[in-house]
Amino acid sequence: MYVKEHLRPLFKSGVIEAEQFQWAVSKTSAKVMQHHGDARSADFLIVEGSKVKKLADQYLQAYTHRK
Protein backbone atom coordinates (compact mmCIF):
# COMPACT_ATOMS: atom_id res chain seq x y z
CA MET A 1 0.00 0.00 0.00
CA TYR A 2 2.87 2.37 0.76
CA VAL A 3 4.28 2.07 -2.76
CA LYS A 4 0.84 2.33 -4.35
CA GLU A 5 0.08 5.53 -2.48
CA HIS A 6 3.41 6.98 -3.55
CA LEU A 7 2.82 6.23 -7.24
CA ARG A 8 -0.95 6.81 -7.39
CA PRO A 9 -0.73 10.59 -8.10
CA LEU A 10 1.42 9.88 -11.17
CA PHE A 11 -1.09 7.33 -12.39
CA LYS A 12 -4.15 9.48 -11.70
CA SER A 13 -2.65 12.49 -13.50
CA GLY A 14 -1.79 10.38 -16.55
CA VAL A 15 1.98 10.65 -16.26
CA ILE A 16 2.30 6.86 -16.14
CA GLU A 17 0.09 4.13 -17.57
CA ALA A 18 -1.63 1.33 -15.69
CA GLU A 19 0.90 -1.24 -16.87
CA GLN A 20 3.80 0.90 -15.63
CA PHE A 21 2.05 1.45 -12.30
CA GLN A 22 1.40 -2.25 -11.75
CA TRP A 23 4.89 -3.29 -12.83
CA ALA A 24 6.64 -0.77 -10.56
CA VAL A 25 4.45 -1.65 -7.57
CA SER A 26 5.00 -5.38 -7.97
CA LYS A 27 8.76 -5.11 -8.49
CA THR A 28 9.23 -2.69 -5.60
CA SER A 29 7.06 -4.72 -3.23
CA ALA A 30 8.86 -7.94 -4.12
CA LYS A 31 12.27 -6.38 -3.56
CA VAL A 32 11.31 -4.82 -0.23
CA MET A 33 9.62 -7.96 1.08
CA GLN A 34 12.63 -10.03 0.05
CA HIS A 35 14.55 -8.22 2.78
CA HIS A 36 11.69 -7.79 5.27
CA GLY A 37 9.71 -10.99 4.77
CA ASP A 38 9.70 -11.83 8.46
CA ALA A 39 8.46 -8.38 9.57
CA ARG A 40 5.24 -8.46 11.57
CA SER A 41 4.39 -4.84 10.78
CA ALA A 42 5.43 -2.11 8.40
CA ASP A 43 7.38 -0.20 11.04
CA PHE A 44 10.54 -0.52 8.96
CA LEU A 45 8.99 1.98 6.52
CA ILE A 46 9.41 4.73 9.10
CA VAL A 47 13.16 4.46 8.72
CA GLU A 48 13.41 3.20 5.13
CA GLY A 49 10.46 4.97 3.53
CA SER A 50 12.53 7.34 1.44
CA LYS A 51 14.61 4.45 0.13
CA VAL A 52 11.47 2.56 -0.88
CA LYS A 53 10.12 5.61 -2.72
CA LYS A 54 13.44 6.04 -4.50
CA LEU A 55 13.42 2.38 -5.51
CA ALA A 56 9.90 2.72 -6.94
CA ASP A 57 10.98 5.76 -8.95
CA GLN A 58 14.00 3.83 -10.26
CA TYR A 59 11.73 0.99 -11.40
CA LEU A 60 9.57 3.52 -13.27
CA GLN A 61 12.66 4.81 -15.05
CA ALA A 62 13.79 1.27 -15.82
CA TYR A 63 10.40 0.49 -17.32
CA THR A 64 10.62 3.43 -19.72
CA HIS A 65 14.15 2.44 -20.76
CA ARG A 66 13.05 -1.18 -21.16
CA LYS A 67 10.56 -0.34 -23.88
C-alpha atoms as a PDB file:
ATOM      1  CA  MET A   1       0.000   0.000   0.000  1.00  0.00           C
ATOM      2  CA  TYR A   2       2.874   2.373   0.757  1.00  0.00           C
ATOM      3  CA  VAL A   3       4.277   2.067  -2.755  1.00  0.00           C
ATOM      4  CA  LYS A   4       0.836   2.331  -4.348  1.00  0.00           C
ATOM      5  CA  GLU A   5       0.076   5.533  -2.477  1.00  0.00           C
ATOM      6  CA  HIS A   6       3.409   6.976  -3.552  1.00  0.00           C
ATOM      7  CA  LEU A   7       2.820   6.234  -7.243  1.00  0.00           C
ATOM      8  CA  ARG A   8      -0.949   6.806  -7.389  1.00  0.00           C
ATOM      9  CA  PRO A   9      -0.731  10.585  -8.101  1.00  0.00           C
ATOM     10  CA  LEU A  10       1.420   9.884 -11.165  1.00  0.00           C
ATOM     11  CA  PHE A  11      -1.085   7.329 -12.393  1.00  0.00           C
ATOM     12  CA  LYS A  12      -4.147   9.477 -11.703  1.00  0.00           C
ATOM     13  CA  SER A  13      -2.649  12.488 -13.500  1.00  0.00           C
ATOM     14  CA  GLY A  14      -1.794  10.384 -16.548  1.00  0.00           C
ATOM     15  CA  VAL A  15       1.977  10.650 -16.261  1.00  0.00           C
ATOM     16  CA  ILE A  16       2.304   6.858 -16.144  1.00  0.00           C
ATOM     17  CA  GLU A  17       0.090   4.132 -17.572  1.00  0.00           C
ATOM     18  CA  ALA A  18      -1.632   1.331 -15.690  1.00  0.00           C
ATOM     19  CA  GLU A  19       0.900  -1.238 -16.873  1.00  0.00           C
ATOM     20  CA  GLN A  20       3.802   0.903 -15.628  1.00  0.00           C
ATOM     21  CA  PHE A  21       2.049   1.447 -12.302  1.00  0.00           C
ATOM     22  CA  GLN A  22       1.403  -2.251 -11.747  1.00  0.00           C
ATOM     23  CA  TRP A  23       4.892  -3.288 -12.826  1.00  0.00           C
ATOM     24  CA  ALA A  24       6.640  -0.765 -10.556  1.00  0.00           C
ATOM     25  CA  VAL A  25       4.449  -1.649  -7.573  1.00  0.00           C
ATOM     26  CA  SER A  26       4.997  -5.383  -7.968  1.00  0.00           C
ATOM     27  CA  LYS A  27       8.763  -5.110  -8.494  1.00  0.00           C
ATOM     28  CA  THR A  28       9.232  -2.687  -5.597  1.00  0.00           C
ATOM     29  CA  SER A  29       7.064  -4.719  -3.230  1.00  0.00           C
ATOM     30  CA  ALA A  30       8.860  -7.940  -4.118  1.00  0.00           C
ATOM     31  CA  LYS A  31      12.274  -6.382  -3.563  1.00  0.00           C
ATOM     32  CA  VAL A  32      11.314  -4.821  -0.228  1.00  0.00           C
ATOM     33  CA  MET A  33       9.623  -7.955   1.079  1.00  0.00           C
ATOM     34  CA  GLN A  34      12.631 -10.026   0.047  1.00  0.00           C
ATOM     35  CA  HIS A  35      14.553  -8.217   2.777  1.00  0.00           C
ATOM     36  CA  HIS A  36      11.690  -7.788   5.266  1.00  0.00           C
ATOM     37  CA  GLY A  37       9.711 -10.992   4.767  1.00  0.00           C
ATOM     38  CA  ASP A  38       9.698 -11.831   8.460  1.00  0.00           C
ATOM     39  CA  ALA A  39       8.459  -8.382   9.571  1.00  0.00           C
ATOM     40  CA  ARG A  40       5.236  -8.464  11.569  1.00  0.00           C
ATOM     41  CA  SER A  41       4.391  -4.839  10.783  1.00  0.00           C
ATOM     42  CA  ALA A  42       5.434  -2.107   8.395  1.00  0.00           C
ATOM     43  CA  ASP A  43       7.379  -0.199  11.038  1.00  0.00           C
ATOM     44  CA  PHE A  44      10.540  -0.516   8.956  1.00  0.00           C
ATOM     45  CA  LEU A  45       8.989   1.977   6.522  1.00  0.00           C
ATOM     46  CA  ILE A  46       9.414   4.734   9.103  1.00  0.00           C
ATOM     47  CA  VAL A  47      13.164   4.455   8.717  1.00  0.00           C
ATOM     48  CA  GLU A  48      13.410   3.200   5.134  1.00  0.00           C
ATOM     49  CA  GLY A  49      10.456   4.971   3.534  1.00  0.00           C
ATOM     50  CA  SER A  50      12.531   7.340   1.445  1.00  0.00           C
ATOM     51  CA  LYS A  51      14.607   4.446   0.128  1.00  0.00           C
ATOM     52  CA  VAL A  52      11.468   2.557  -0.877  1.00  0.00           C
ATOM     53  CA  LYS A  53      10.118   5.615  -2.715  1.00  0.00           C
ATOM     54  CA  LYS A  54      13.440   6.044  -4.500  1.00  0.00           C
ATOM     55  CA  LEU A  55      13.423   2.375  -5.514  1.00  0.00           C
ATOM     56  CA  ALA A  56       9.903   2.718  -6.935  1.00  0.00           C
ATOM     57  CA  ASP A  57      10.983   5.757  -8.951  1.00  0.00           C
ATOM     58  CA  GLN A  58      13.997   3.833 -10.259  1.00  0.00           C
ATOM     59  CA  TYR A  59      11.730   0.992 -11.399  1.00  0.00           C
ATOM     60  CA  LEU A  60       9.566   3.522 -13.275  1.00  0.00           C
ATOM     61  CA  GLN A  61      12.659   4.808 -15.046  1.00  0.00           C
ATOM     62  CA  ALA A  62      13.788   1.267 -15.823  1.00  0.00           C
ATOM     63  CA  TYR A  63      10.397   0.490 -17.322  1.00  0.00           C
ATOM     64  CA  THR A  64      10.620   3.426 -19.718  1.00  0.00           C
ATOM     65  CA  HIS A  65      14.153   2.436 -20.761  1.00  0.00           C
ATOM     66  CA  ARG A  66      13.047  -1.183 -21.158  1.00  0.00           C
ATOM     67  CA  LYS A  67      10.561  -0.343 -23.884  1.00  0.00           C
END
